[in-house]
Amino acid sequence: MRDRLFTLIGGGGFLGRYVAQALLATGARVRVAQRDPREAWYLKPLGALGQTQFVAADITRPDTIERAIAGADGVVNLVGSFTGNLNRIHVEGPRALAQAARNAGVETMVHVSAIGADPQAEALYAQTKGAGEAAVRDAFPGATILRPSTVFGREDKFINMFARMVARFPVVPVLKPNVRFQPVFAGDVGEAVATVLRDPATFAGRTFELGGPDVLTMLELQQWIGRQIGRHPSFVPMPDALGGLLAALPGAPISRDQWKLLQKDTVVTQGAEGLQALGITPTPLAAVAPGWLVQYQRAGRFARPTEA
C-alpha cells in the first residue's frame, strides 16, 4: 500500500475521516476530493508530509471528476445525502464516477451504499441507493460495494442527536420504538475500505453488509444512551399515525422520506457477507461511545461513572 494513491470522493465528511485515517496508517497516499477542499483540511495532520492531497470536485459534475481520479490506483465513493436531488447524488454521479474510473484505468473502486438499498424500495433514499449500486456495477463490474448500517462515531449525527434530546428534555417521544438498528463503528467501516483496497483481487465484485455486534430497537437505543449519560427522562413511544403526521409537517425533525426508511429494520441481511468476511471484529457501541457521550452528562467528565 505504501505510496499507492487513493482518491476519496466526499472524503472530507464524517465517514471520510475514518477512511482516510485507515489508509494513511498503511503508508498510502490519499487525495481528498471535496466540493470545497477547505472543509477537508482538518485531515492534514493525520498524514506525513506529502501524504495527503486535496482537490475540488463534485460528484454531480462529471467534468470535475476526471482530474480528481487522474493517476489514482483506487477510488472510493463516500457521497450520500438525505436531501437534495438524490437521483443526481446517488445514481447519476456514481455512474459517471465509475465510467471515469474505468476509462482512466483505475484498478479498484469501492462504492459505499447503505443497508436497505433497493430500487423497488418505498423510500426515495433507498431507491436511489439501490439504483446507484446497479449503475456502478454496470460501468465498473469489479467495484466492491459496502452497505453499512447506521454508522456511529464521535462526530455522527445519529447517536449525538438522541443524546442531545435525552439530555435536554424530561419527556422524549420515540418514533418507531420497535424498529431495529445494528449500528456499525465508523472506524470499522474505514478498516473495511482499507482492507478491500489492500487486496482488490480478492474482494472485487462482491457486496458486504456492515453491522456492529449490537442489535437494538429505537427505544432500547435511546434508553441505553440515557443510562450512559446519567439522564432518566420519560420515553414515550409514539403511535405510527402520529409519527407519520409529524414527519409530514414543515420543520419536523425527520422528513417524510426518512419516516419511510424507519418502516424497515436496518440490520444485516441473514447470510450476507459482513465485517467478519473482511477479517474485522465489529466494535461494540459500549466500547467507544461512552468516551464522547460524557459531554452530555450534567457535570461532563467530572460526573460519577455511569452504567457500562
C-alpha atoms as a PDB file:
ATOM      1  CA  MET A   1       0.000   0.000   0.000  1.00  0.00           C
ATOM      2  CA  ARG A   2       2.937   2.353   0.557  1.00  0.00           C
ATOM      3  CA  ASP A   3       2.918   5.238  -1.912  1.00  0.00           C
ATOM      4  CA  ARG A   4      -0.171   3.976  -3.733  1.00  0.00           C
ATOM      5  CA  LEU A   5      -2.692   6.772  -4.370  1.00  0.00           C
ATOM      6  CA  PHE A   6      -6.378   6.566  -3.495  1.00  0.00           C
ATOM      7  CA  THR A   7      -8.982   9.224  -4.223  1.00  0.00           C
ATOM      8  CA  LEU A   8     -11.788   9.663  -1.696  1.00  0.00           C
ATOM      9  CA  ILE A   9     -14.816  11.299  -3.289  1.00  0.00           C
ATOM     10  CA  GLY A  10     -16.523  13.165  -0.435  1.00  0.00           C
ATOM     11  CA  GLY A  11     -13.579  12.320   1.800  1.00  0.00           C
ATOM     12  CA  GLY A  12     -13.989  15.419   3.958  1.00  0.00           C
ATOM     13  CA  GLY A  13     -17.221  14.186   5.518  1.00  0.00           C
ATOM     14  CA  PHE A  14     -17.945  12.269   8.719  1.00  0.00           C
ATOM     15  CA  LEU A  15     -17.049   8.821   7.365  1.00  0.00           C
ATOM     16  CA  GLY A  16     -14.246  10.172   5.184  1.00  0.00           C
ATOM     17  CA  ARG A  17     -12.007  10.988   8.144  1.00  0.00           C
ATOM     18  CA  TYR A  18     -12.083   7.357   9.291  1.00  0.00           C
ATOM     19  CA  VAL A  19     -11.391   6.010   5.802  1.00  0.00           C
ATOM     20  CA  ALA A  20      -8.534   8.474   5.363  1.00  0.00           C
ATOM     21  CA  GLN A  21      -7.049   7.550   8.737  1.00  0.00           C
ATOM     22  CA  ALA A  22      -7.152   3.832   7.934  1.00  0.00           C
ATOM     23  CA  LEU A  23      -5.472   4.368   4.564  1.00  0.00           C
ATOM     24  CA  LEU A  24      -2.840   6.804   5.810  1.00  0.00           C
ATOM     25  CA  ALA A  25      -1.858   4.291   8.504  1.00  0.00           C
ATOM     26  CA  THR A  26      -0.867   1.847   5.734  1.00  0.00           C
ATOM     27  CA  GLY A  27       1.501   4.367   4.155  1.00  0.00           C
ATOM     28  CA  ALA A  28      -0.808   5.032   1.212  1.00  0.00           C
ATOM     29  CA  ARG A  29      -1.290   8.481  -0.258  1.00  0.00           C
ATOM     30  CA  VAL A  30      -4.776   9.942  -0.046  1.00  0.00           C
ATOM     31  CA  ARG A  31      -6.333  12.505  -2.352  1.00  0.00           C
ATOM     32  CA  VAL A  32      -9.451  14.006  -0.815  1.00  0.00           C
ATOM     33  CA  ALA A  33     -11.982  15.244  -3.365  1.00  0.00           C
ATOM     34  CA  GLN A  34     -14.458  17.693  -1.855  1.00  0.00           C
ATOM     35  CA  ARG A  35     -16.662  20.422  -3.287  1.00  0.00           C
ATOM     36  CA  ASP A  36     -14.823  22.860  -1.012  1.00  0.00           C
ATOM     37  CA  PRO A  37     -11.400  21.339  -0.213  1.00  0.00           C
ATOM     38  CA  ARG A  38     -11.021  23.669   2.758  1.00  0.00           C
ATOM     39  CA  GLU A  39     -13.664  21.587   4.539  1.00  0.00           C
ATOM     40  CA  ALA A  40     -11.215  18.665   4.482  1.00  0.00           C
ATOM     41  CA  TRP A  41      -8.032  20.429   5.579  1.00  0.00           C
ATOM     42  CA  TYR A  42      -8.530  19.098   9.107  1.00  0.00           C
ATOM     43  CA  LEU A  43      -7.210  15.791   7.717  1.00  0.00           C
ATOM     44  CA  LYS A  44      -3.722  17.196   7.049  1.00  0.00           C
ATOM     45  CA  PRO A  45      -2.267  16.285  10.484  1.00  0.00           C
ATOM     46  CA  LEU A  46      -3.267  12.631  10.008  1.00  0.00           C
ATOM     47  CA  GLY A  47      -0.643  12.081   7.312  1.00  0.00           C
ATOM     48  CA  ALA A  48       3.053  12.655   6.814  1.00  0.00           C
ATOM     49  CA  LEU A  49       4.411  15.443   4.614  1.00  0.00           C
ATOM     50  CA  GLY A  50       3.073  14.995   1.095  1.00  0.00           C
ATOM     51  CA  GLN A  51       0.844  12.051   2.035  1.00  0.00           C
ATOM     52  CA  THR A  52      -2.416  13.972   1.649  1.00  0.00           C
ATOM     53  CA  GLN A  53      -3.720  15.885  -1.353  1.00  0.00           C
ATOM     54  CA  PHE A  54      -6.858  17.975  -1.758  1.00  0.00           C
ATOM     55  CA  VAL A  55      -8.814  18.712  -4.906  1.00  0.00           C
ATOM     56  CA  ALA A  56     -12.115  20.442  -5.667  1.00  0.00           C
ATOM     57  CA  ALA A  57     -14.640  18.010  -7.133  1.00  0.00           C
ATOM     58  CA  ASP A  58     -18.390  17.474  -7.154  1.00  0.00           C
ATOM     59  CA  ILE A  59     -19.858  14.059  -7.932  1.00  0.00           C
ATOM     60  CA  THR A  60     -22.818  15.733  -9.649  1.00  0.00           C
ATOM     61  CA  ARG A  61     -20.421  17.488 -12.053  1.00  0.00           C
ATOM     62  CA  PRO A  62     -18.631  14.864 -14.178  1.00  0.00           C
ATOM     63  CA  ASP A  63     -16.242  17.480 -15.588  1.00  0.00           C
ATOM     64  CA  THR A  64     -14.641  17.780 -12.135  1.00  0.00           C
ATOM     65  CA  ILE A  65     -14.216  14.046 -11.589  1.00  0.00           C
ATOM     66  CA  GLU A  66     -11.564  13.222 -14.192  1.00  0.00           C
ATOM     67  CA  ARG A  67      -8.853  15.351 -12.623  1.00  0.00           C
ATOM     68  CA  ALA A  68      -9.765  14.061  -9.156  1.00  0.00           C
ATOM     69  CA  ILE A  69      -9.050  10.448 -10.120  1.00  0.00           C
ATOM     70  CA  ALA A  70      -6.167  11.055 -12.535  1.00  0.00           C
ATOM     71  CA  GLY A  71      -3.260   8.770 -11.651  1.00  0.00           C
ATOM     72  CA  ALA A  72      -5.119   7.089  -8.792  1.00  0.00           C
ATOM     73  CA  ASP A  73      -4.745   3.379  -8.048  1.00  0.00           C
ATOM     74  CA  GLY A  74      -8.185   3.247  -6.456  1.00  0.00           C
ATOM     75  CA  VAL A  75     -11.236   5.408  -5.905  1.00  0.00           C
ATOM     76  CA  VAL A  76     -13.758   5.400  -3.053  1.00  0.00           C
ATOM     77  CA  ASN A  77     -17.193   6.969  -3.317  1.00  0.00           C
ATOM     78  CA  LEU A  78     -18.346   8.210   0.094  1.00  0.00           C
ATOM     79  CA  VAL A  79     -21.017  10.634  -1.067  1.00  0.00           C
ATOM     80  CA  GLY A  80     -24.509  10.258   0.350  1.00  0.00           C
ATOM     81  CA  SER A  81     -27.333  12.569   1.333  1.00  0.00           C
ATOM     82  CA  PHE A  82     -30.906  12.576   2.622  1.00  0.00           C
ATOM     83  CA  THR A  83     -31.659  15.893   0.914  1.00  0.00           C
ATOM     84  CA  GLY A  84     -31.216  17.478  -2.490  1.00  0.00           C
ATOM     85  CA  ASN A  85     -31.524  15.799  -5.881  1.00  0.00           C
ATOM     86  CA  LEU A  86     -30.986  12.214  -4.742  1.00  0.00           C
ATOM     87  CA  ASN A  87     -31.051  10.834  -8.275  1.00  0.00           C
ATOM     88  CA  ARG A  88     -28.111  13.053  -9.244  1.00  0.00           C
ATOM     89  CA  ILE A  89     -26.242  12.389  -5.999  1.00  0.00           C
ATOM     90  CA  HIS A  90     -26.818   8.637  -5.659  1.00  0.00           C
ATOM     91  CA  VAL A  91     -27.303   7.442  -9.249  1.00  0.00           C
ATOM     92  CA  GLU A  92     -26.054   9.759 -11.988  1.00  0.00           C
ATOM     93  CA  GLY A  93     -22.976  10.875 -10.037  1.00  0.00           C
ATOM     94  CA  PRO A  94     -21.759   7.355  -9.108  1.00  0.00           C
ATOM     95  CA  ARG A  95     -22.411   6.190 -12.693  1.00  0.00           C
ATOM     96  CA  ALA A  96     -20.257   8.988 -14.089  1.00  0.00           C
ATOM     97  CA  LEU A  97     -17.578   8.297 -11.464  1.00  0.00           C
ATOM     98  CA  ALA A  98     -17.491   4.578 -12.260  1.00  0.00           C
ATOM     99  CA  GLN A  99     -17.276   5.265 -16.006  1.00  0.00           C
ATOM    100  CA  ALA A 100     -14.471   7.775 -15.495  1.00  0.00           C
ATOM    101  CA  ALA A 101     -12.597   5.337 -13.251  1.00  0.00           C
ATOM    102  CA  ARG A 102     -12.869   2.559 -15.820  1.00  0.00           C
ATOM    103  CA  ASN A 103     -11.754   4.854 -18.650  1.00  0.00           C
ATOM    104  CA  ALA A 104      -8.796   6.078 -16.569  1.00  0.00           C
ATOM    105  CA  GLY A 105      -7.639   2.535 -15.870  1.00  0.00           C
ATOM    106  CA  VAL A 106      -8.213   2.773 -12.111  1.00  0.00           C
ATOM    107  CA  GLU A 107      -7.529  -0.621 -10.567  1.00  0.00           C
ATOM    108  CA  THR A 108     -10.058  -0.637  -7.743  1.00  0.00           C
ATOM    109  CA  MET A 109     -13.344   1.053  -6.894  1.00  0.00           C
ATOM    110  CA  VAL A 110     -15.202   0.953  -3.583  1.00  0.00           C
ATOM    111  CA  HIS A 111     -18.753   2.261  -3.551  1.00  0.00           C
ATOM    112  CA  VAL A 112     -20.273   2.968  -0.132  1.00  0.00           C
ATOM    113  CA  SER A 113     -24.022   2.400  -0.253  1.00  0.00           C
ATOM    114  CA  ALA A 114     -26.376   1.513   2.620  1.00  0.00           C
ATOM    115  CA  ILE A 115     -28.222  -1.458   4.072  1.00  0.00           C
ATOM    116  CA  GLY A 116     -31.706  -1.475   2.595  1.00  0.00           C
ATOM    117  CA  ALA A 117     -30.612  -0.152  -0.810  1.00  0.00           C
ATOM    118  CA  ASP A 118     -33.254  -1.370  -3.249  1.00  0.00           C
ATOM    119  CA  PRO A 119     -34.544   0.171  -6.488  1.00  0.00           C
ATOM    120  CA  GLN A 120     -38.018  -1.079  -5.526  1.00  0.00           C
ATOM    121  CA  ALA A 121     -37.994   0.420  -2.018  1.00  0.00           C
ATOM    122  CA  GLU A 122     -40.682   2.870  -0.956  1.00  0.00           C
ATOM    123  CA  ALA A 123     -38.243   5.469   0.383  1.00  0.00           C
ATOM    124  CA  LEU A 124     -36.526   7.550  -2.285  1.00  0.00           C
ATOM    125  CA  TYR A 125     -33.223   7.364  -0.384  1.00  0.00           C
ATOM    126  CA  ALA A 126     -33.209   3.543  -0.535  1.00  0.00           C
ATOM    127  CA  GLN A 127     -34.462   3.569  -4.136  1.00  0.00           C
ATOM    128  CA  THR A 128     -31.659   5.801  -5.368  1.00  0.00           C
ATOM    129  CA  LYS A 129     -29.032   3.968  -3.331  1.00  0.00           C
ATOM    130  CA  GLY A 130     -30.153   0.716  -4.963  1.00  0.00           C
ATOM    131  CA  ALA A 131     -30.184   2.230  -8.449  1.00  0.00           C
ATOM    132  CA  GLY A 132     -26.755   3.709  -7.765  1.00  0.00           C
ATOM    133  CA  GLU A 133     -25.338   0.283  -6.951  1.00  0.00           C
ATOM    134  CA  ALA A 134     -26.669  -1.061 -10.256  1.00  0.00           C
ATOM    135  CA  ALA A 135     -25.225   1.905 -12.152  1.00  0.00           C
ATOM    136  CA  VAL A 136     -21.793   1.405 -10.600  1.00  0.00           C
ATOM    137  CA  ARG A 137     -21.841  -2.339 -11.277  1.00  0.00           C
ATOM    138  CA  ASP A 138     -22.775  -1.729 -14.914  1.00  0.00           C
ATOM    139  CA  ALA A 139     -19.952   0.762 -15.506  1.00  0.00           C
ATOM    140  CA  PHE A 140     -17.291  -0.862 -13.267  1.00  0.00           C
ATOM    141  CA  PRO A 141     -18.161  -4.574 -12.781  1.00  0.00           C
ATOM    142  CA  GLY A 142     -15.260  -5.172 -10.403  1.00  0.00           C
ATOM    143  CA  ALA A 143     -16.373  -2.499  -7.939  1.00  0.00           C
ATOM    144  CA  THR A 144     -16.774  -3.589  -4.327  1.00  0.00           C
ATOM    145  CA  ILE A 145     -19.969  -2.375  -2.682  1.00  0.00           C
ATOM    146  CA  LEU A 146     -20.111  -1.750   1.059  1.00  0.00           C
ATOM    147  CA  ARG A 147     -23.523  -1.401   2.686  1.00  0.00           C
ATOM    148  CA  PRO A 148     -23.129  -0.098   6.237  1.00  0.00           C
ATOM    149  CA  SER A 149     -25.939   0.004   8.751  1.00  0.00           C
ATOM    150  CA  THR A 150     -26.332   3.233  10.718  1.00  0.00           C
ATOM    151  CA  VAL A 151     -22.764   4.467  11.269  1.00  0.00           C
ATOM    152  CA  PHE A 152     -21.741   5.834  14.651  1.00  0.00           C
ATOM    153  CA  GLY A 153     -18.691   7.754  15.790  1.00  0.00           C
ATOM    154  CA  ARG A 154     -17.688  10.822  17.779  1.00  0.00           C
ATOM    155  CA  GLU A 155     -18.853  13.214  15.071  1.00  0.00           C
ATOM    156  CA  ASP A 156     -22.014  11.380  13.989  1.00  0.00           C
ATOM    157  CA  LYS A 157     -25.473  12.914  13.649  1.00  0.00           C
ATOM    158  CA  PHE A 158     -27.305   9.865  14.961  1.00  0.00           C
ATOM    159  CA  ILE A 159     -26.169   8.907  18.473  1.00  0.00           C
ATOM    160  CA  ASN A 160     -25.344  12.542  19.226  1.00  0.00           C
ATOM    161  CA  MET A 161     -28.793  13.707  18.095  1.00  0.00           C
ATOM    162  CA  PHE A 162     -30.510  11.345  20.515  1.00  0.00           C
ATOM    163  CA  ALA A 163     -28.045  12.199  23.287  1.00  0.00           C
ATOM    164  CA  ARG A 164     -28.906  15.896  22.981  1.00  0.00           C
ATOM    165  CA  MET A 165     -32.610  15.101  23.172  1.00  0.00           C
ATOM    166  CA  VAL A 166     -32.208  12.806  26.180  1.00  0.00           C
ATOM    167  CA  ALA A 167     -30.024  15.356  27.971  1.00  0.00           C
ATOM    168  CA  ARG A 168     -32.352  18.274  27.309  1.00  0.00           C
ATOM    169  CA  PHE A 169     -35.929  17.083  27.677  1.00  0.00           C
ATOM    170  CA  PRO A 170     -37.746  15.466  30.625  1.00  0.00           C
ATOM    171  CA  VAL A 171     -40.043  13.653  28.171  1.00  0.00           C
ATOM    172  CA  VAL A 172     -38.672  12.125  24.959  1.00  0.00           C
ATOM    173  CA  PRO A 173     -41.106  10.944  22.256  1.00  0.00           C
ATOM    174  CA  VAL A 174     -39.848   7.834  20.453  1.00  0.00           C
ATOM    175  CA  LEU A 175     -40.744   7.283  16.803  1.00  0.00           C
ATOM    176  CA  LYS A 176     -40.976   3.652  15.666  1.00  0.00           C
ATOM    177  CA  PRO A 177     -39.883   2.300  19.076  1.00  0.00           C
ATOM    178  CA  ASN A 178     -39.615  -1.294  17.836  1.00  0.00           C
ATOM    179  CA  VAL A 179     -37.648  -0.753  14.627  1.00  0.00           C
ATOM    180  CA  ARG A 180     -34.217  -2.373  14.907  1.00  0.00           C
ATOM    181  CA  PHE A 181     -30.761  -0.974  14.216  1.00  0.00           C
ATOM    182  CA  GLN A 182     -27.342  -2.611  14.049  1.00  0.00           C
ATOM    183  CA  PRO A 183     -25.010   0.383  14.496  1.00  0.00           C
ATOM    184  CA  VAL A 184     -21.551  -0.009  12.986  1.00  0.00           C
ATOM    185  CA  PHE A 185     -18.497   1.928  14.172  1.00  0.00           C
ATOM    186  CA  ALA A 186     -17.105   4.372  11.605  1.00  0.00           C
ATOM    187  CA  GLY A 187     -13.597   3.098  12.332  1.00  0.00           C
ATOM    188  CA  ASP A 188     -14.653  -0.407  11.287  1.00  0.00           C
ATOM    189  CA  VAL A 189     -16.057   0.925   8.020  1.00  0.00           C
ATOM    190  CA  GLY A 190     -12.762   2.742   7.431  1.00  0.00           C
ATOM    191  CA  GLU A 191     -10.858  -0.502   8.020  1.00  0.00           C
ATOM    192  CA  ALA A 192     -13.226  -2.305   5.648  1.00  0.00           C
ATOM    193  CA  VAL A 193     -12.408   0.148   2.860  1.00  0.00           C
ATOM    194  CA  ALA A 194      -8.670  -0.188   3.511  1.00  0.00           C
ATOM    195  CA  THR A 195      -8.929  -3.991   3.519  1.00  0.00           C
ATOM    196  CA  VAL A 196     -10.648  -4.027   0.124  1.00  0.00           C
ATOM    197  CA  LEU A 197      -8.115  -1.627  -1.393  1.00  0.00           C
ATOM    198  CA  ARG A 198      -5.256  -3.685   0.024  1.00  0.00           C
ATOM    199  CA  ASP A 199      -6.427  -6.847  -1.756  1.00  0.00           C
ATOM    200  CA  PRO A 200      -8.640  -5.862  -4.696  1.00  0.00           C
ATOM    201  CA  ALA A 201      -8.364  -9.207  -6.481  1.00  0.00           C
ATOM    202  CA  THR A 202      -9.998 -10.998  -3.551  1.00  0.00           C
ATOM    203  CA  PHE A 203     -12.857  -8.575  -2.979  1.00  0.00           C
ATOM    204  CA  ALA A 204     -13.635  -7.302  -6.482  1.00  0.00           C
ATOM    205  CA  GLY A 205     -17.270  -7.558  -7.496  1.00  0.00           C
ATOM    206  CA  ARG A 206     -18.505  -8.512  -4.028  1.00  0.00           C
ATOM    207  CA  THR A 207     -21.031  -6.825  -1.743  1.00  0.00           C
ATOM    208  CA  PHE A 208     -20.633  -6.610   2.029  1.00  0.00           C
ATOM    209  CA  GLU A 209     -23.221  -5.540   4.602  1.00  0.00           C
ATOM    210  CA  LEU A 210     -21.543  -3.926   7.589  1.00  0.00           C
ATOM    211  CA  GLY A 211     -23.166  -4.037  11.012  1.00  0.00           C
ATOM    212  CA  GLY A 212     -21.896  -3.983  14.568  1.00  0.00           C
ATOM    213  CA  PRO A 213     -22.337  -6.691  17.211  1.00  0.00           C
ATOM    214  CA  ASP A 214     -25.313  -4.936  18.857  1.00  0.00           C
ATOM    215  CA  VAL A 215     -28.889  -5.060  17.568  1.00  0.00           C
ATOM    216  CA  LEU A 216     -31.105  -2.559  19.376  1.00  0.00           C
ATOM    217  CA  THR A 217     -34.610  -1.242  18.905  1.00  0.00           C
ATOM    218  CA  MET A 218     -35.095   2.505  18.692  1.00  0.00           C
ATOM    219  CA  LEU A 219     -36.426   2.543  22.256  1.00  0.00           C
ATOM    220  CA  GLU A 220     -33.603   0.362  23.605  1.00  0.00           C
ATOM    221  CA  LEU A 221     -31.019   2.576  21.947  1.00  0.00           C
ATOM    222  CA  GLN A 222     -32.351   5.763  23.498  1.00  0.00           C
ATOM    223  CA  GLN A 223     -32.697   4.120  26.903  1.00  0.00           C
ATOM    224  CA  TRP A 224     -29.081   2.940  26.655  1.00  0.00           C
ATOM    225  CA  ILE A 225     -27.925   6.457  25.833  1.00  0.00           C
ATOM    226  CA  GLY A 226     -29.843   7.771  28.844  1.00  0.00           C
ATOM    227  CA  ARG A 227     -28.093   5.339  31.177  1.00  0.00           C
ATOM    228  CA  GLN A 228     -24.707   6.257  29.733  1.00  0.00           C
ATOM    229  CA  ILE A 229     -25.136   9.962  30.420  1.00  0.00           C
ATOM    230  CA  GLY A 230     -26.981   9.607  33.709  1.00  0.00           C
ATOM    231  CA  ARG A 231     -30.246  11.030  32.400  1.00  0.00           C
ATOM    232  CA  HIS A 232     -33.606   9.394  33.011  1.00  0.00           C
ATOM    233  CA  PRO A 233     -36.358  11.127  31.051  1.00  0.00           C
ATOM    234  CA  SER A 234     -39.714   9.500  30.352  1.00  0.00           C
ATOM    235  CA  PHE A 235     -39.581   7.758  26.979  1.00  0.00           C
ATOM    236  CA  VAL A 236     -42.968   7.850  25.292  1.00  0.00           C
ATOM    237  CA  PRO A 237     -43.467   5.555  22.274  1.00  0.00           C
ATOM    238  CA  MET A 238     -45.476   7.370  19.606  1.00  0.00           C
ATOM    239  CA  PRO A 239     -48.155   5.604  17.548  1.00  0.00           C
ATOM    240  CA  ASP A 240     -47.406   5.334  13.832  1.00  0.00           C
ATOM    241  CA  ALA A 241     -50.333   7.565  12.855  1.00  0.00           C
ATOM    242  CA  LEU A 242     -48.946  10.402  14.946  1.00  0.00           C
ATOM    243  CA  GLY A 243     -45.373   9.774  13.834  1.00  0.00           C
ATOM    244  CA  GLY A 244     -46.366   9.864  10.165  1.00  0.00           C
ATOM    245  CA  LEU A 245     -48.255  13.096  10.726  1.00  0.00           C
ATOM    246  CA  LEU A 246     -45.274  14.658  12.477  1.00  0.00           C
ATOM    247  CA  ALA A 247     -42.931  13.713   9.619  1.00  0.00           C
ATOM    248  CA  ALA A 248     -45.250  15.462   7.157  1.00  0.00           C
ATOM    249  CA  LEU A 249     -45.101  18.805   8.988  1.00  0.00           C
ATOM    250  CA  PRO A 250     -42.739  21.585   7.841  1.00  0.00           C
ATOM    251  CA  GLY A 251     -39.655  21.834  10.044  1.00  0.00           C
ATOM    252  CA  ALA A 252     -40.133  18.334  11.522  1.00  0.00           C
ATOM    253  CA  PRO A 253     -37.029  16.598  12.934  1.00  0.00           C
ATOM    254  CA  ILE A 254     -37.290  13.954  10.201  1.00  0.00           C
ATOM    255  CA  SER A 255     -38.532  14.134   6.638  1.00  0.00           C
ATOM    256  CA  ARG A 256     -41.334  12.100   5.125  1.00  0.00           C
ATOM    257  CA  ASP A 257     -38.756  10.027   3.261  1.00  0.00           C
ATOM    258  CA  GLN A 258     -36.812   9.317   6.463  1.00  0.00           C
ATOM    259  CA  TRP A 259     -40.086   8.229   8.053  1.00  0.00           C
ATOM    260  CA  LYS A 260     -40.470   5.704   5.232  1.00  0.00           C
ATOM    261  CA  LEU A 261     -36.954   4.418   5.939  1.00  0.00           C
ATOM    262  CA  LEU A 262     -37.947   3.789   9.552  1.00  0.00           C
ATOM    263  CA  GLN A 263     -40.597   1.308   8.443  1.00  0.00           C
ATOM    264  CA  LYS A 264     -37.905  -1.362   7.995  1.00  0.00           C
ATOM    265  CA  ASP A 265     -35.129  -2.650  10.240  1.00  0.00           C
ATOM    266  CA  THR A 266     -31.591  -1.509   9.411  1.00  0.00           C
ATOM    267  CA  VAL A 267     -29.827  -4.800  10.134  1.00  0.00           C
ATOM    268  CA  VAL A 268     -27.509  -7.094   8.191  1.00  0.00           C
ATOM    269  CA  THR A 269     -29.386  -9.485   5.928  1.00  0.00           C
ATOM    270  CA  GLN A 270     -29.170 -13.100   7.052  1.00  0.00           C
ATOM    271  CA  GLY A 271     -26.425 -14.862   5.105  1.00  0.00           C
ATOM    272  CA  ALA A 272     -24.829 -11.664   3.802  1.00  0.00           C
ATOM    273  CA  GLU A 273     -21.058 -11.237   3.940  1.00  0.00           C
ATOM    274  CA  GLY A 274     -20.042  -8.729   6.580  1.00  0.00           C
ATOM    275  CA  LEU A 275     -17.123  -7.416   8.596  1.00  0.00           C
ATOM    276  CA  GLN A 276     -16.030 -10.913   9.624  1.00  0.00           C
ATOM    277  CA  ALA A 277     -15.593 -11.846   5.949  1.00  0.00           C
ATOM    278  CA  LEU A 278     -13.160  -8.930   5.738  1.00  0.00           C
ATOM    279  CA  GLY A 279     -11.259 -10.122   8.812  1.00  0.00           C
ATOM    280  CA  ILE A 280     -12.585  -7.305  11.017  1.00  0.00           C
ATOM    281  CA  THR A 281     -14.005  -7.813  14.502  1.00  0.00           C
ATOM    282  CA  PRO A 282     -17.020  -5.489  14.929  1.00  0.00           C
ATOM    283  CA  THR A 283     -16.661  -2.841  17.648  1.00  0.00           C
ATOM    284  CA  PRO A 284     -19.459  -2.729  20.257  1.00  0.00           C
ATOM    285  CA  LEU A 285     -21.230   0.562  20.823  1.00  0.00           C
ATOM    286  CA  ALA A 286     -20.291   0.419  24.518  1.00  0.00           C
ATOM    287  CA  ALA A 287     -16.582   0.142  23.678  1.00  0.00           C
ATOM    288  CA  VAL A 288     -16.247   3.633  22.197  1.00  0.00           C
ATOM    289  CA  ALA A 289     -19.419   5.721  22.582  1.00  0.00           C
ATOM    290  CA  PRO A 290     -19.080   6.465  26.325  1.00  0.00           C
ATOM    291  CA  GLY A 291     -15.820   8.270  25.562  1.00  0.00           C
ATOM    292  CA  TRP A 292     -17.649  11.111  23.820  1.00  0.00           C
ATOM    293  CA  LEU A 293     -21.123  10.767  25.352  1.00  0.00           C
ATOM    294  CA  VAL A 294     -19.626  12.013  28.611  1.00  0.00           C
ATOM    295  CA  GLN A 295     -20.112  15.570  27.289  1.00  0.00           C
ATOM    296  CA  TYR A 296     -23.872  15.139  27.770  1.00  0.00           C
ATOM    297  CA  GLN A 297     -23.627  14.312  31.465  1.00  0.00           C
ATOM    298  CA  ARG A 298     -24.669  17.084  33.853  1.00  0.00           C
ATOM    299  CA  ALA A 299     -21.135  17.555  35.128  1.00  0.00           C
ATOM    300  CA  GLY A 300     -19.365  16.369  31.978  1.00  0.00           C
ATOM    301  CA  ARG A 301     -16.171  14.467  32.691  1.00  0.00           C
ATOM    302  CA  PHE A 302     -16.451  15.302  36.357  1.00  0.00           C
ATOM    303  CA  ALA A 303     -19.663  13.298  36.733  1.00  0.00           C
ATOM    304  CA  ARG A 304     -19.776   9.983  38.542  1.00  0.00           C
ATOM    305  CA  PRO A 305     -19.187   6.934  36.319  1.00  0.00           C
ATOM    306  CA  THR A 306     -22.377   5.801  34.571  1.00  0.00           C
ATOM    307  CA  GLU A 307     -23.550   2.321  33.668  1.00  0.00           C
ATOM    308  CA  ALA A 308     -21.274   0.476  31.254  1.00  0.00           C
END
